[in-house]
Amino acid sequence: MTETVYAVSDLATHQASPAEIAAWARGHWIIENTVHWTKDVTFAEDASQIRRHRTPAVMSALRDLARATLHRSGWANIASGRRAHTHAAATLTLHGIP
């Protein structure tokens, strides 16, 4: 089965082949899906009832910060890292505060 995908780009035809553009698009969606899946499953972002003013964007940024902090601290499984840092004292150690 062949799938036809259309894309819009400002690249000239000599700057990238269709295969390169497809690889870039796939790479982008792998990252997008991984981040969004983690935020939804681990932080229940889609179930959030926060709807007023800029609060949804602020909460999303805080979830991104938490995910990135755990990842940079060596946690491959963000959910496990989150469970391990449910107490304030444990969370502060991620930021180098004893």
Protein backbone atom coordinates (compact mmCIF):
# COMPACT_ATOMS: atom_id res chain seq x y z
CA MET A 1 0.00 0.00 0.00
CA THR A 2 1.35 3.41 -0.95
CA GLU A 3 0.64 6.51 1.09
CA THR A 4 0.80 9.95 -0.48
CA VAL A 5 1.70 12.81 1.83
CA TYR A 6 1.71 16.47 0.84
CA ALA A 7 3.88 19.08 2.54
CA VAL A 8 4.49 22.78 2.08
CA SER A 9 8.03 24.08 2.38
CA ASP A 10 9.97 27.18 1.44
CA LEU A 11 12.96 25.05 0.38
CA ALA A 12 14.03 25.09 -3.25
CA THR A 13 14.06 21.71 -5.00
CA HIS A 14 17.88 21.58 -4.95
CA GLN A 15 18.02 22.17 -1.16
CA ALA A 16 16.38 18.92 -0.06
CA SER A 17 15.09 15.76 -1.64
CA PRO A 18 11.60 14.42 -0.90
CA ALA A 19 13.22 11.66 1.18
CA GLU A 20 15.09 14.23 3.31
CA ILE A 21 11.93 16.27 3.88
CA ALA A 22 10.04 13.10 4.85
CA ALA A 23 12.81 12.16 7.31
CA TRP A 24 12.71 15.64 8.89
CA ALA A 25 8.92 15.46 9.21
CA ARG A 26 9.04 11.99 10.79
CA GLY A 27 11.77 13.10 13.19
CA HIS A 28 9.71 16.12 14.22
CA TRP A 29 6.61 14.05 14.93
CA ILE A 30 8.55 11.45 16.93
CA ILE A 31 9.74 14.23 19.24
CA GLU A 32 6.30 15.86 19.37
CA ASN A 33 4.53 12.60 20.13
CA THR A 34 7.05 11.57 22.79
CA VAL A 35 6.80 14.89 24.64
CA HIS A 36 3.02 15.15 24.40
CA TRP A 37 2.50 11.51 25.35
CA THR A 38 4.68 11.95 28.45
CA LYS A 39 2.89 15.15 29.44
CA ASP A 40 -0.52 13.55 28.99
CA VAL A 41 0.16 10.17 30.60
CA THR A 42 2.55 11.20 33.38
CA PHE A 43 1.13 14.64 34.18
CA ALA A 44 -2.50 14.10 32.97
CA GLU A 45 -2.31 17.29 30.93
CA ASP A 46 -5.30 16.46 28.70
CA ALA A 47 -7.47 15.90 31.79
CA SER A 48 -6.56 19.27 33.28
CA GLN A 49 -9.54 21.44 34.23
CA ILE A 50 -7.46 24.64 34.24
CA ARG A 51 -9.02 26.95 31.66
CA ARG A 52 -8.77 30.60 32.75
CA HIS A 53 -6.44 33.34 31.53
CA ARG A 54 -2.82 32.29 30.89
CA THR A 55 -2.89 29.56 33.52
CA PRO A 56 -3.04 26.61 31.05
CA ALA A 57 0.12 27.86 29.31
CA VAL A 58 1.87 28.43 32.64
CA MET A 59 0.97 24.93 33.87
CA SER A 60 2.15 23.41 30.59
CA ALA A 61 5.47 25.24 30.97
CA LEU A 62 5.81 23.94 34.55
CA ARG A 63 5.14 20.39 33.35
CA ASP A 64 7.81 20.87 30.67
CA LEU A 65 10.22 22.12 33.34
CA ALA A 66 9.51 19.11 35.56
CA ARG A 67 9.93 16.67 32.65
CA ALA A 68 13.17 18.30 31.50
CA THR A 69 14.58 18.47 35.04
CA LEU A 70 13.92 14.78 35.63
CA HIS A 71 15.36 13.87 32.23
CA ARG A 72 18.54 15.92 32.82
CA SER A 73 18.89 14.31 36.24
CA GLY A 74 19.17 10.92 34.58
CA TRP A 75 15.62 9.63 34.87
CA ALA A 76 14.81 7.72 31.67
CA ASN A 77 11.35 6.94 33.04
CA ILE A 78 9.76 10.29 33.90
CA ALA A 79 6.86 8.67 35.77
CA SER A 80 9.30 6.84 38.08
CA GLY A 81 11.25 10.04 38.62
CA ARG A 82 8.07 11.90 39.45
CA ARG A 83 7.04 9.25 41.99
CA ALA A 84 10.53 9.36 43.55
CA HIS A 85 10.28 13.12 44.03
CA THR A 86 6.83 13.56 45.55
CA HIS A 87 8.21 15.20 48.72
CA ALA A 88 9.55 18.75 48.62
CA ALA A 89 12.92 17.78 50.10
CA ALA A 90 13.50 15.15 47.40
CA THR A 91 12.50 17.62 44.69
CA LEU A 92 14.96 20.25 45.90
CA THR A 93 17.85 17.79 45.49
CA LEU A 94 17.20 17.83 41.73
CA HIS A 95 18.21 21.49 41.78
CA GLY A 96 21.29 20.97 43.93
CA ILE A 97 19.65 22.19 47.13
CA PRO A 98 20.46 19.83 50.04
